[in-house]
């Protein structure tokens, strides 16, 4: 027996004629998991490693590749993707994990699942999701607690000053603070252009801290 862990399937690809390679998030962070003959419909794991499914897996490490020995509990979150908006939401969260998340943390794991199961998929939640991720990672930007903002943002700690790394507007920072403090952030309406600017700013901050 190997390592037992819960994993969230982020994506899967065909490896060869009939093998399946899944990228999953669990203990060890984002790892590659090889399922021999996983694309054959008579395989015991067929259909389990669909993107977004939540699995309890017993893993072994063989030559730098994780291999599933056995599957315990399965939650077929992929079934929720019959709604296209839900599919886009799940895909966005999976993409975020693949791009930004470098380590495993149980609180982060639970955060990702809770957002996937959220009833709302409003775009404003992408801002709140990032802020919750930063807070749980110990990277809460200091501007969230500032009363007045200067014109430059320091990527090192998220504070504002007259000298920094990125020019920002007080309006943008106040919008982010509004989302952060709201009990129901999904009800806050933000225009598409402004939303993209806020997402770009937060992504710059996250990227600075995962280099």
N, C-alpha and C. Protein backbone atom coordinates (compact mmCIF):
# COMPACT_ATOMS: atom_id res chain seq x y z
N UNK A 1 0.85 -1.19 0.00
CA UNK A 1 0.00 0.00 0.00
C UNK A 1 0.88 1.24 0.00
N UNK A 2 0.40 2.32 -0.61
CA UNK A 2 1.17 3.55 -0.69
C UNK A 2 0.54 4.66 0.10
N UNK A 3 0.59 5.85 -0.47
CA UNK A 3 0.05 7.05 0.16
C UNK A 3 -1.44 7.15 -0.12
N UNK A 4 -2.24 7.32 0.94
CA UNK A 4 -3.68 7.54 0.77
C UNK A 4 -3.95 9.03 0.84
N UNK A 5 -4.65 9.56 -0.13
CA UNK A 5 -4.93 10.98 -0.18
C UNK A 5 -6.19 11.25 -0.98
N UNK A 6 -6.83 12.35 -0.68
CA UNK A 6 -7.92 12.83 -1.52
C UNK A 6 -7.29 13.68 -2.62
N UNK A 7 -7.78 13.52 -3.83
CA UNK A 7 -7.28 14.32 -4.94
C UNK A 7 -8.45 14.91 -5.73
N UNK A 8 -8.20 16.08 -6.26
CA UNK A 8 -9.12 16.73 -7.18
C UNK A 8 -8.53 16.61 -8.58
N UNK A 9 -9.28 16.01 -9.50
CA UNK A 9 -8.78 15.85 -10.87
C UNK A 9 -8.91 17.18 -11.59
N UNK A 10 -7.79 17.69 -12.09
CA UNK A 10 -7.77 18.98 -12.76
C UNK A 10 -7.91 18.85 -14.28
N UNK A 11 -7.22 17.88 -14.84
CA UNK A 11 -7.31 17.62 -16.29
C UNK A 11 -6.81 16.21 -16.55
N UNK A 12 -7.10 15.71 -17.74
CA UNK A 12 -6.59 14.39 -18.13
C UNK A 12 -6.26 14.42 -19.61
N UNK A 13 -5.28 13.64 -20.00
CA UNK A 13 -4.90 13.52 -21.40
C UNK A 13 -4.62 12.06 -21.71
N UNK A 14 -4.68 11.73 -22.98
CA UNK A 14 -4.33 10.38 -23.40
C UNK A 14 -2.81 10.26 -23.45
N UNK A 15 -2.29 9.18 -22.89
CA UNK A 15 -0.85 8.90 -22.93
C UNK A 15 -0.65 7.59 -23.68
N UNK A 16 -0.27 7.69 -24.94
CA UNK A 16 -0.19 6.49 -25.76
C UNK A 16 -1.55 6.08 -26.28
N UNK A 17 -1.70 4.83 -26.62
CA UNK A 17 -2.95 4.36 -27.22
C UNK A 17 -4.08 4.22 -26.22
N UNK A 18 -3.77 3.76 -25.00
CA UNK A 18 -4.86 3.46 -24.07
C UNK A 18 -4.60 3.86 -22.62
N UNK A 19 -3.42 4.45 -22.36
CA UNK A 19 -3.13 4.93 -21.00
C UNK A 19 -3.70 6.33 -20.80
N UNK A 20 -3.92 6.68 -19.56
CA UNK A 20 -4.48 7.98 -19.19
C UNK A 20 -3.51 8.66 -18.23
N UNK A 21 -3.22 9.94 -18.49
CA UNK A 21 -2.40 10.74 -17.58
C UNK A 21 -3.27 11.85 -17.01
N UNK A 22 -3.44 11.84 -15.69
CA UNK A 22 -4.28 12.84 -15.03
C UNK A 22 -3.41 13.77 -14.20
N UNK A 23 -3.71 15.06 -14.27
CA UNK A 23 -3.11 16.02 -13.35
C UNK A 23 -4.09 16.20 -12.20
N UNK A 24 -3.61 15.95 -10.99
CA UNK A 24 -4.49 16.02 -9.82
C UNK A 24 -3.86 16.89 -8.75
N UNK A 25 -4.70 17.45 -7.89
CA UNK A 25 -4.22 18.23 -6.75
C UNK A 25 -4.55 17.47 -5.48
N UNK A 26 -3.52 17.20 -4.68
CA UNK A 26 -3.68 16.51 -3.41
C UNK A 26 -2.38 16.61 -2.64
N UNK A 27 -2.12 15.71 -1.74
CA UNK A 27 -0.86 15.72 -1.00
C UNK A 27 0.29 15.61 -2.01
N UNK A 28 1.24 16.52 -1.88
CA UNK A 28 2.30 16.60 -2.89
C UNK A 28 2.06 17.73 -3.86
N UNK A 29 0.91 18.43 -3.73
CA UNK A 29 0.59 19.52 -4.65
C UNK A 29 -0.04 19.01 -5.93
N UNK A 30 0.31 19.63 -7.05
CA UNK A 30 -0.18 19.18 -8.36
C UNK A 30 0.78 18.11 -8.85
N UNK A 31 0.27 16.91 -9.08
CA UNK A 31 1.10 15.80 -9.51
C UNK A 31 0.50 15.12 -10.73
N UNK A 32 1.35 14.42 -11.48
CA UNK A 32 0.90 13.60 -12.62
C UNK A 32 0.63 12.19 -12.13
N UNK A 33 -0.49 11.67 -12.55
CA UNK A 33 -0.91 10.33 -12.11
C UNK A 33 -1.20 9.50 -13.36
N UNK A 34 -0.46 8.42 -13.52
CA UNK A 34 -0.60 7.57 -14.71
C UNK A 34 -1.52 6.40 -14.42
N UNK A 35 -2.56 6.26 -15.25
CA UNK A 35 -3.50 5.14 -15.13
C UNK A 35 -3.29 4.24 -16.33
N UNK A 36 -2.64 3.10 -16.11
CA UNK A 36 -2.41 2.16 -17.19
C UNK A 36 -3.73 1.62 -17.74
N UNK A 37 -3.89 1.68 -19.06
CA UNK A 37 -5.11 1.21 -19.73
C UNK A 37 -6.36 1.97 -19.28
N UNK A 38 -6.15 3.21 -18.80
CA UNK A 38 -7.27 3.98 -18.23
C UNK A 38 -8.31 4.42 -19.23
N UNK A 39 -8.00 4.34 -20.54
CA UNK A 39 -8.98 4.71 -21.55
C UNK A 39 -9.80 3.51 -22.04
N UNK A 40 -9.50 2.34 -21.54
CA UNK A 40 -10.29 1.17 -21.92
C UNK A 40 -11.56 1.11 -21.08
N UNK A 41 -12.70 0.91 -21.74
CA UNK A 41 -13.97 0.98 -21.01
C UNK A 41 -14.23 -0.21 -20.10
N UNK A 42 -13.35 -1.21 -20.15
CA UNK A 42 -13.51 -2.32 -19.20
C UNK A 42 -12.52 -2.23 -18.04
N UNK A 43 -11.78 -1.13 -17.98
CA UNK A 43 -10.83 -0.93 -16.88
C UNK A 43 -11.60 -0.54 -15.61
N UNK A 44 -11.12 -1.00 -14.46
CA UNK A 44 -11.86 -0.75 -13.21
C UNK A 44 -11.88 0.72 -12.82
N UNK A 45 -10.95 1.53 -13.36
CA UNK A 45 -10.94 2.96 -13.05
C UNK A 45 -11.55 3.80 -14.17
N UNK A 46 -12.12 3.15 -15.18
CA UNK A 46 -12.67 3.89 -16.31
C UNK A 46 -13.76 4.86 -15.85
N UNK A 47 -13.65 6.11 -16.28
CA UNK A 47 -14.65 7.13 -15.95
C UNK A 47 -14.45 7.81 -14.62
N UNK A 48 -13.50 7.33 -13.82
CA UNK A 48 -13.30 7.93 -12.48
C UNK A 48 -12.43 9.18 -12.55
N UNK A 49 -11.45 9.17 -13.45
CA UNK A 49 -10.50 10.28 -13.52
C UNK A 49 -10.95 11.35 -14.50
N UNK A 50 -12.24 11.62 -14.50
CA UNK A 50 -12.77 12.73 -15.29
C UNK A 50 -12.43 14.04 -14.57
N UNK A 51 -12.14 15.11 -15.33
CA UNK A 51 -11.85 16.40 -14.69
C UNK A 51 -12.94 16.80 -13.70
N UNK A 52 -12.50 17.29 -12.56
CA UNK A 52 -13.31 17.83 -11.47
C UNK A 52 -13.82 16.78 -10.48
N UNK A 53 -13.62 15.50 -10.77
CA UNK A 53 -14.03 14.49 -9.79
C UNK A 53 -13.12 14.55 -8.57
N UNK A 54 -13.67 14.20 -7.43
CA UNK A 54 -12.96 14.19 -6.16
C UNK A 54 -12.82 12.73 -5.73
N UNK A 55 -11.57 12.26 -5.63
CA UNK A 55 -11.31 10.85 -5.39
C UNK A 55 -10.47 10.64 -4.14
N UNK A 56 -10.73 9.53 -3.47
CA UNK A 56 -9.85 9.06 -2.41
C UNK A 56 -8.99 7.95 -3.01
N UNK A 57 -7.68 8.20 -3.11
CA UNK A 57 -6.81 7.32 -3.88
C UNK A 57 -5.67 6.78 -3.01
N UNK A 58 -5.32 5.53 -3.25
CA UNK A 58 -4.09 4.95 -2.70
C UNK A 58 -3.06 4.96 -3.82
N UNK A 59 -1.92 5.67 -3.60
CA UNK A 59 -0.93 5.89 -4.64
C UNK A 59 0.39 5.23 -4.32
N UNK A 60 1.09 4.85 -5.37
CA UNK A 60 2.49 4.42 -5.26
C UNK A 60 3.32 5.27 -6.21
N UNK A 61 4.58 5.47 -5.84
CA UNK A 61 5.51 6.21 -6.68
C UNK A 61 6.43 5.22 -7.39
N UNK A 62 6.45 5.29 -8.71
CA UNK A 62 7.29 4.37 -9.48
C UNK A 62 8.05 5.17 -10.54
N UNK A 63 9.36 5.31 -10.30
CA UNK A 63 10.18 6.02 -11.27
C UNK A 63 9.77 7.45 -11.51
N UNK A 64 9.33 8.13 -10.45
CA UNK A 64 8.95 9.54 -10.57
C UNK A 64 7.52 9.76 -11.04
N UNK A 65 6.76 8.69 -11.22
CA UNK A 65 5.37 8.81 -11.66
C UNK A 65 4.46 8.17 -10.61
N UNK A 66 3.35 8.84 -10.28
CA UNK A 66 2.39 8.29 -9.32
C UNK A 66 1.45 7.33 -10.05
N UNK A 67 1.19 6.20 -9.42
CA UNK A 67 0.32 5.16 -9.98
C UNK A 67 -0.79 4.87 -8.97
N UNK A 68 -2.06 4.86 -9.39
CA UNK A 68 -3.14 4.53 -8.45
C UNK A 68 -3.22 3.02 -8.21
N UNK A 69 -3.19 2.63 -6.95
CA UNK A 69 -3.36 1.22 -6.60
C UNK A 69 -4.83 0.88 -6.39
N UNK A 70 -5.55 1.82 -5.78
CA UNK A 70 -6.95 1.55 -5.44
C UNK A 70 -7.67 2.88 -5.30
N UNK A 71 -8.98 2.86 -5.48
CA UNK A 71 -9.84 4.03 -5.34
C UNK A 71 -10.86 3.76 -4.26
N UNK A 72 -10.98 4.70 -3.32
CA UNK A 72 -12.00 4.57 -2.28
C UNK A 72 -13.23 5.38 -2.65
N UNK A 73 -13.53 6.37 -1.86
CA UNK A 73 -14.72 7.20 -2.08
C UNK A 73 -14.55 8.05 -3.34
N UNK A 74 -15.65 8.22 -4.09
CA UNK A 74 -15.64 9.04 -5.30
C UNK A 74 -16.82 10.01 -5.25
N UNK A 75 -16.54 11.29 -5.47
CA UNK A 75 -17.60 12.28 -5.63
C UNK A 75 -17.54 12.77 -7.06
N UNK A 76 -18.60 12.48 -7.82
CA UNK A 76 -18.61 12.79 -9.26
C UNK A 76 -19.04 14.25 -9.48
N UNK A 77 -18.13 15.18 -9.14
CA UNK A 77 -18.43 16.59 -9.35
C UNK A 77 -18.55 16.91 -10.84
N UNK A 78 -17.95 16.06 -11.68
CA UNK A 78 -18.05 16.28 -13.12
C UNK A 78 -19.50 16.26 -13.60
N UNK A 79 -20.36 15.56 -12.88
CA UNK A 79 -21.77 15.50 -13.28
C UNK A 79 -22.45 16.87 -13.21
N UNK A 80 -21.91 17.75 -12.37
CA UNK A 80 -22.49 19.09 -12.23
C UNK A 80 -22.26 19.94 -13.47
N UNK A 81 -21.36 19.50 -14.35
CA UNK A 81 -20.98 20.30 -15.51
C UNK A 81 -21.94 20.16 -16.68
N UNK A 82 -23.08 19.57 -16.44
CA UNK A 82 -24.11 19.57 -17.49
C UNK A 82 -24.58 21.00 -17.76
N UNK A 83 -24.40 21.87 -16.77
CA UNK A 83 -24.63 23.30 -16.92
C UNK A 83 -23.34 23.91 -17.47
N UNK A 84 -23.41 24.57 -18.65
CA UNK A 84 -22.20 25.08 -19.30
C UNK A 84 -21.51 26.16 -18.45
N UNK A 85 -22.29 27.02 -17.80
CA UNK A 85 -21.68 28.03 -16.95
C UNK A 85 -20.91 27.39 -15.79
N UNK A 86 -21.46 26.30 -15.26
CA UNK A 86 -20.76 25.57 -14.19
C UNK A 86 -19.47 24.94 -14.73
N UNK A 87 -19.53 24.43 -15.95
CA UNK A 87 -18.33 23.86 -16.57
C UNK A 87 -17.24 24.93 -16.71
N UNK A 88 -17.61 26.12 -17.16
CA UNK A 88 -16.64 27.21 -17.29
C UNK A 88 -16.05 27.59 -15.94
N UNK A 89 -16.89 27.59 -14.90
CA UNK A 89 -16.45 27.93 -13.55
C UNK A 89 -15.47 26.89 -13.02
N UNK A 90 -15.80 25.61 -13.17
CA UNK A 90 -14.90 24.54 -12.74
C UNK A 90 -13.57 24.62 -13.51
N UNK A 91 -13.66 24.88 -14.80
CA UNK A 91 -12.46 24.95 -15.64
C UNK A 91 -11.58 26.11 -15.20
N UNK A 92 -12.19 27.23 -14.83
CA UNK A 92 -11.41 28.38 -14.38
C UNK A 92 -10.68 28.05 -13.08
N UNK A 93 -11.36 27.42 -12.13
CA UNK A 93 -10.72 27.06 -10.86
C UNK A 93 -9.58 26.07 -11.09
N UNK A 94 -9.81 25.07 -11.94
CA UNK A 94 -8.76 24.11 -12.25
C UNK A 94 -7.56 24.80 -12.89
N UNK A 95 -7.83 25.72 -13.81
CA UNK A 95 -6.75 26.46 -14.45
C UNK A 95 -5.96 27.30 -13.47
N UNK A 96 -6.66 27.89 -12.51
CA UNK A 96 -6.00 28.69 -11.47
C UNK A 96 -5.05 27.81 -10.66
N UNK A 97 -5.51 26.64 -10.26
CA UNK A 97 -4.68 25.73 -9.47
C UNK A 97 -3.44 25.31 -10.27
N UNK A 98 -3.64 24.95 -11.53
CA UNK A 98 -2.52 24.53 -12.37
C UNK A 98 -1.49 25.64 -12.55
N UNK A 99 -1.95 26.87 -12.62
CA UNK A 99 -1.06 27.99 -12.88
C UNK A 99 -0.35 28.51 -11.64
N UNK A 100 -1.09 28.55 -10.51
CA UNK A 100 -0.57 29.29 -9.37
C UNK A 100 -0.23 28.45 -8.13
N UNK A 101 -0.84 27.30 -7.96
CA UNK A 101 -0.72 26.59 -6.69
C UNK A 101 0.47 25.62 -6.74
N UNK A 102 1.42 25.83 -5.84
CA UNK A 102 2.68 25.08 -5.87
C UNK A 102 2.81 24.06 -4.74
N UNK A 103 1.90 24.05 -3.81
CA UNK A 103 2.02 23.13 -2.67
C UNK A 103 0.62 22.73 -2.19
N UNK A 104 0.59 21.67 -1.37
CA UNK A 104 -0.69 21.21 -0.83
C UNK A 104 -0.93 21.83 0.54
N UNK A 105 -2.13 22.25 0.74
CA UNK A 105 -2.58 22.73 2.05
C UNK A 105 -4.04 22.33 2.18
N UNK A 106 -4.38 21.70 3.29
CA UNK A 106 -5.75 21.21 3.46
C UNK A 106 -6.77 22.34 3.41
N UNK A 107 -6.41 23.51 3.97
CA UNK A 107 -7.34 24.64 3.94
C UNK A 107 -7.57 25.13 2.51
N UNK A 108 -6.51 25.14 1.71
CA UNK A 108 -6.67 25.52 0.31
C UNK A 108 -7.50 24.49 -0.44
N UNK A 109 -7.23 23.22 -0.17
CA UNK A 109 -8.00 22.14 -0.81
C UNK A 109 -9.49 22.34 -0.54
N UNK A 110 -9.84 22.58 0.72
CA UNK A 110 -11.24 22.79 1.08
C UNK A 110 -11.80 24.06 0.45
N UNK A 111 -10.96 25.09 0.33
CA UNK A 111 -11.39 26.33 -0.32
C UNK A 111 -11.78 26.07 -1.77
N UNK A 112 -10.94 25.34 -2.49
CA UNK A 112 -11.22 25.06 -3.90
C UNK A 112 -12.54 24.30 -4.06
N UNK A 113 -12.74 23.30 -3.21
CA UNK A 113 -13.97 22.50 -3.31
C UNK A 113 -15.20 23.36 -2.97
N UNK A 114 -15.08 24.19 -1.93
CA UNK A 114 -16.23 25.01 -1.53
C UNK A 114 -16.63 25.99 -2.63
N UNK A 115 -15.65 26.54 -3.33
CA UNK A 115 -15.98 27.46 -4.43
C UNK A 115 -16.56 26.70 -5.62
N UNK A 116 -16.08 25.50 -5.87
CA UNK A 116 -16.65 24.72 -6.96
C UNK A 116 -18.12 24.39 -6.70
N UNK A 117 -18.45 24.18 -5.44
CA UNK A 117 -19.82 23.82 -5.08
C UNK A 117 -20.69 25.04 -4.80
N UNK A 118 -20.12 26.23 -4.93
CA UNK A 118 -20.89 27.45 -4.71
C UNK A 118 -22.07 27.51 -5.67
N UNK A 119 -23.20 28.00 -5.18
CA UNK A 119 -24.38 28.10 -6.04
C UNK A 119 -24.20 29.14 -7.13
N UNK A 120 -23.40 30.16 -6.82
CA UNK A 120 -23.19 31.24 -7.79
C UNK A 120 -21.90 31.02 -8.56
N UNK A 121 -21.90 31.45 -9.82
CA UNK A 121 -20.68 31.44 -10.63
C UNK A 121 -20.41 32.83 -11.20
N UNK A 122 -20.94 33.85 -10.53
CA UNK A 122 -20.76 35.22 -11.01
C UNK A 122 -19.28 35.58 -11.08
N UNK A 123 -18.93 36.37 -12.10
CA UNK A 123 -17.52 36.70 -12.33
C UNK A 123 -16.86 37.40 -11.14
N UNK A 124 -17.65 38.15 -10.37
CA UNK A 124 -17.09 38.85 -9.21
C UNK A 124 -16.49 37.86 -8.21
N UNK A 125 -16.99 36.63 -8.20
CA UNK A 125 -16.45 35.62 -7.28
C UNK A 125 -15.01 35.27 -7.60
N UNK A 126 -14.56 35.53 -8.83
CA UNK A 126 -13.17 35.27 -9.16
C UNK A 126 -12.25 36.20 -8.36
N UNK A 127 -12.73 37.41 -8.08
CA UNK A 127 -11.95 38.33 -7.24
C UNK A 127 -11.92 37.82 -5.80
N UNK A 128 -13.09 37.45 -5.27
CA UNK A 128 -13.16 36.98 -3.88
C UNK A 128 -12.37 35.68 -3.72
N UNK A 129 -12.42 34.83 -4.71
CA UNK A 129 -11.66 33.57 -4.67
C UNK A 129 -10.17 33.87 -4.52
N UNK A 130 -9.64 34.77 -5.33
CA UNK A 130 -8.22 35.12 -5.24
C UNK A 130 -7.87 35.68 -3.87
N UNK A 131 -8.73 36.54 -3.36
CA UNK A 131 -8.46 37.15 -2.05
C UNK A 131 -8.48 36.11 -0.93
N UNK A 132 -9.41 35.18 -0.99
CA UNK A 132 -9.44 34.10 0.01
C UNK A 132 -8.20 33.22 -0.11
N UNK A 133 -7.79 32.95 -1.35
CA UNK A 133 -6.58 32.17 -1.58
C UNK A 133 -5.36 32.87 -0.97
N UNK A 134 -5.24 34.17 -1.22
CA UNK A 134 -4.10 34.93 -0.68
C UNK A 134 -4.11 34.94 0.84
N UNK A 135 -5.29 35.13 1.42
CA UNK A 135 -5.37 35.19 2.88
C UNK A 135 -4.97 33.85 3.51
N UNK A 136 -5.47 32.76 2.97
CA UNK A 136 -5.13 31.44 3.51
C UNK A 136 -3.66 31.10 3.29
N UNK A 137 -3.05 31.72 2.27
CA UNK A 137 -1.64 31.48 1.98
C UNK A 137 -0.72 32.39 2.78
N UNK A 138 -1.30 33.25 3.62
CA UNK A 138 -0.48 34.19 4.39
C UNK A 138 0.03 35.34 3.57
N UNK A 139 -0.67 35.67 2.48
CA UNK A 139 -0.21 36.71 1.56
C UNK A 139 -1.24 37.83 1.40
N UNK A 140 -2.02 38.05 2.41
CA UNK A 140 -3.07 39.08 2.32
C UNK A 140 -2.46 40.45 2.01
N UNK A 141 -2.87 41.10 0.92
CA UNK A 141 -2.30 42.40 0.56
C UNK A 141 -2.64 43.47 1.61
N UNK A 142 -1.64 44.29 1.94
CA UNK A 142 -1.85 45.28 3.00
C UNK A 142 -2.82 46.39 2.61
N UNK A 143 -3.02 46.60 1.31
CA UNK A 143 -3.93 47.68 0.93
C UNK A 143 -5.37 47.39 1.38
N UNK A 144 -5.67 46.14 1.67
CA UNK A 144 -7.03 45.80 2.12
C UNK A 144 -7.36 46.45 3.46
N UNK A 145 -6.33 46.81 4.21
CA UNK A 145 -6.55 47.45 5.51
C UNK A 145 -6.19 48.93 5.51
N UNK A 146 -5.73 49.45 4.38
CA UNK A 146 -5.37 50.87 4.31
C UNK A 146 -6.62 51.74 4.18
N UNK A 147 -6.60 52.90 4.80
CA UNK A 147 -7.73 53.83 4.68
C UNK A 147 -7.57 54.71 3.45
N UNK A 148 -6.32 55.12 3.16
CA UNK A 148 -6.05 55.92 1.97
C UNK A 148 -4.97 55.22 1.15
N UNK A 149 -5.11 55.33 -0.16
CA UNK A 149 -4.18 54.63 -1.05
C UNK A 149 -3.31 55.62 -1.81
N UNK A 150 -2.04 55.25 -1.95
CA UNK A 150 -1.12 56.00 -2.79
C UNK A 150 -1.19 55.44 -4.21
N UNK A 151 -0.43 56.01 -5.11
CA UNK A 151 -0.60 55.66 -6.53
C UNK A 151 0.18 54.45 -6.99
N UNK A 152 1.10 53.93 -6.14
CA UNK A 152 1.92 52.80 -6.54
C UNK A 152 1.73 51.64 -5.56
N UNK A 153 1.67 50.42 -6.11
CA UNK A 153 1.50 49.22 -5.30
C UNK A 153 2.83 48.47 -5.19
N UNK A 154 3.21 48.11 -3.98
CA UNK A 154 4.39 47.27 -3.77
C UNK A 154 3.97 45.81 -3.85
N UNK A 155 4.57 45.07 -4.77
CA UNK A 155 4.22 43.66 -4.91
C UNK A 155 4.74 42.82 -3.75
N UNK A 156 5.70 43.32 -3.01
CA UNK A 156 6.28 42.55 -1.91
C UNK A 156 5.28 42.30 -0.79
N UNK A 157 4.44 43.31 -0.49
CA UNK A 157 3.50 43.15 0.62
C UNK A 157 2.09 43.68 0.31
N UNK A 158 1.90 44.24 -0.88
CA UNK A 158 0.58 44.73 -1.25
C UNK A 158 0.21 46.06 -0.65
N UNK A 159 1.17 46.78 -0.11
CA UNK A 159 0.90 48.12 0.41
C UNK A 159 1.05 49.14 -0.72
N UNK A 160 0.54 50.35 -0.51
CA UNK A 160 0.70 51.40 -1.51
C UNK A 160 1.61 52.50 -0.97
N UNK A 161 2.30 53.15 -1.89
CA UNK A 161 3.20 54.25 -1.52
C UNK A 161 3.43 55.10 -2.76
N UNK A 162 4.26 56.12 -2.63
CA UNK A 162 4.59 56.95 -3.79
C UNK A 162 5.61 56.27 -4.70
N UNK A 163 6.29 55.25 -4.16
CA UNK A 163 7.23 54.47 -4.95
C UNK A 163 6.86 53.00 -4.81
N UNK A 164 6.72 52.33 -5.93
CA UNK A 164 6.34 50.92 -5.87
C UNK A 164 6.59 50.24 -7.19
N UNK A 165 5.88 49.14 -7.45
CA UNK A 165 6.12 48.34 -8.64
C UNK A 165 5.06 48.52 -9.73
N UNK A 166 3.82 48.79 -9.30
CA UNK A 166 2.72 48.86 -10.26
C UNK A 166 1.86 50.09 -9.94
N UNK A 167 1.56 50.86 -10.99
CA UNK A 167 0.68 52.01 -10.79
C UNK A 167 -0.76 51.52 -10.67
N UNK A 168 -1.46 52.03 -9.67
CA UNK A 168 -2.84 51.61 -9.43
C UNK A 168 -3.71 52.83 -9.15
N UNK A 169 -5.00 52.64 -9.31
CA UNK A 169 -5.94 53.71 -8.98
C UNK A 169 -6.64 53.38 -7.68
N UNK A 170 -6.98 54.41 -6.93
CA UNK A 170 -7.72 54.21 -5.68
C UNK A 170 -9.06 53.55 -5.96
N UNK A 171 -9.65 53.87 -7.11
CA UNK A 171 -10.95 53.28 -7.47
C UNK A 171 -10.84 51.76 -7.58
N UNK A 172 -9.78 51.27 -8.22
CA UNK A 172 -9.59 49.82 -8.37
C UNK A 172 -9.40 49.15 -7.02
N UNK A 173 -8.56 49.73 -6.19
CA UNK A 173 -8.30 49.13 -4.88
C UNK A 173 -9.54 49.15 -4.01
N UNK A 174 -10.32 50.21 -4.10
CA UNK A 174 -11.55 50.29 -3.30
C UNK A 174 -12.58 49.26 -3.78
N UNK A 175 -12.60 48.97 -5.07
CA UNK A 175 -13.50 47.93 -5.58
C UNK A 175 -13.10 46.56 -5.03
N UNK A 176 -11.80 46.29 -5.01
CA UNK A 176 -11.32 45.02 -4.46
C UNK A 176 -11.67 44.92 -2.99
N UNK A 177 -11.50 46.00 -2.25
CA UNK A 177 -11.84 46.01 -0.82
C UNK A 177 -13.34 45.79 -0.62
N UNK A 178 -14.14 46.35 -1.51
CA UNK A 178 -15.59 46.17 -1.40
C UNK A 178 -15.96 44.70 -1.56
N UNK A 179 -15.34 44.04 -2.53
CA UNK A 179 -15.59 42.61 -2.74
C UNK A 179 -15.11 41.81 -1.53
N UNK A 180 -13.95 42.15 -1.02
CA UNK A 180 -13.35 41.44 0.11
C UNK A 180 -14.25 41.50 1.35
N UNK A 181 -14.86 42.65 1.59
CA UNK A 181 -15.64 42.86 2.81
C UNK A 181 -17.11 42.46 2.67
N UNK A 182 -17.56 42.21 1.46
CA UNK A 182 -18.98 41.92 1.23
C UNK A 182 -19.37 40.53 1.72
N UNK A 183 -20.54 40.43 2.33
CA UNK A 183 -21.06 39.12 2.72
C UNK A 183 -21.52 38.32 1.50
N UNK A 184 -22.01 39.02 0.49
CA UNK A 184 -22.44 38.36 -0.75
C UNK A 184 -21.80 39.07 -1.93
N UNK A 185 -20.50 38.80 -2.15
CA UNK A 185 -19.77 39.50 -3.22
C UNK A 185 -20.35 39.27 -4.61
N UNK A 186 -21.05 38.16 -4.81
CA UNK A 186 -21.61 37.87 -6.13
C UNK A 186 -22.66 38.89 -6.55
N UNK A 187 -23.16 39.65 -5.59
CA UNK A 187 -24.18 40.66 -5.91
C UNK A 187 -23.57 41.99 -6.36
N UNK A 188 -22.27 42.14 -6.23
CA UNK A 188 -21.60 43.37 -6.64
C UNK A 188 -21.40 43.35 -8.15
N UNK A 189 -21.85 44.39 -8.80
CA UNK A 189 -21.74 44.47 -10.25
C UNK A 189 -20.49 45.27 -10.63
N UNK A 190 -19.65 44.65 -11.44
CA UNK A 190 -18.42 45.30 -11.92
C UNK A 190 -18.37 45.11 -13.43
N UNK A 191 -18.12 46.18 -14.16
CA UNK A 191 -18.04 46.10 -15.61
C UNK A 191 -16.93 45.17 -16.07
N UNK A 192 -17.07 44.63 -17.29
CA UNK A 192 -16.12 43.64 -17.79
C UNK A 192 -14.70 44.18 -17.84
N UNK A 193 -14.54 45.42 -18.30
CA UNK A 193 -13.21 46.01 -18.40
C UNK A 193 -12.57 46.21 -17.04
N UNK A 194 -13.36 46.74 -16.10
CA UNK A 194 -12.84 46.96 -14.73
C UNK A 194 -12.52 45.64 -14.07
N UNK A 195 -13.37 44.63 -14.28
CA UNK A 195 -13.13 43.31 -13.69
C UNK A 195 -11.81 42.72 -14.19
N UNK A 196 -11.56 42.85 -15.48
CA UNK A 196 -10.32 42.32 -16.05
C UNK A 196 -9.10 43.02 -15.45
N UNK A 197 -9.21 44.34 -15.24
CA UNK A 197 -8.10 45.09 -14.62
C UNK A 197 -7.82 44.61 -13.20
N UNK A 198 -8.88 44.34 -12.44
CA UNK A 198 -8.71 43.87 -11.06
C UNK A 198 -8.08 42.48 -11.04
N UNK A 199 -8.53 41.62 -11.95
CA UNK A 199 -7.97 40.26 -12.01
C UNK A 199 -6.49 40.30 -12.40
N UNK A 200 -6.15 41.16 -13.34
CA UNK A 200 -4.75 41.29 -13.77
C UNK A 200 -3.88 41.76 -12.63
N UNK A 201 -4.36 42.73 -11.86
CA UNK A 201 -3.61 43.25 -10.73
C UNK A 201 -3.36 42.17 -9.68
N UNK A 202 -4.40 41.43 -9.32
CA UNK A 202 -4.25 40.38 -8.30
C UNK A 202 -3.36 39.25 -8.80
N UNK A 203 -3.45 38.94 -10.09
CA UNK A 203 -2.59 37.89 -10.65
C UNK A 203 -1.12 38.31 -10.62
N UNK A 204 -0.85 39.59 -10.87
CA UNK A 204 0.53 40.08 -10.77
C UNK A 204 1.07 39.89 -9.35
N UNK A 205 0.22 40.19 -8.39
CA UNK A 205 0.62 40.05 -6.98
C UNK A 205 0.89 38.58 -6.65
N UNK A 206 0.00 37.69 -7.10
CA UNK A 206 0.18 36.26 -6.84
C UNK A 206 1.45 35.75 -7.52
N UNK A 207 1.64 36.11 -8.79
CA UNK A 207 2.81 35.64 -9.53
C UNK A 207 4.11 36.07 -8.86
N UNK A 208 4.12 37.27 -8.31
CA UNK A 208 5.32 37.76 -7.63
C UNK A 208 5.72 36.84 -6.47
N UNK A 209 4.73 36.24 -5.82
CA UNK A 209 5.00 35.46 -4.62
C UNK A 209 5.17 33.96 -4.88
N UNK A 210 5.02 33.54 -6.12
CA UNK A 210 5.22 32.10 -6.40
C UNK A 210 6.45 31.85 -7.27
N UNK A 211 7.21 32.90 -7.52
CA UNK A 211 8.43 32.73 -8.35
C UNK A 211 9.42 31.81 -7.65
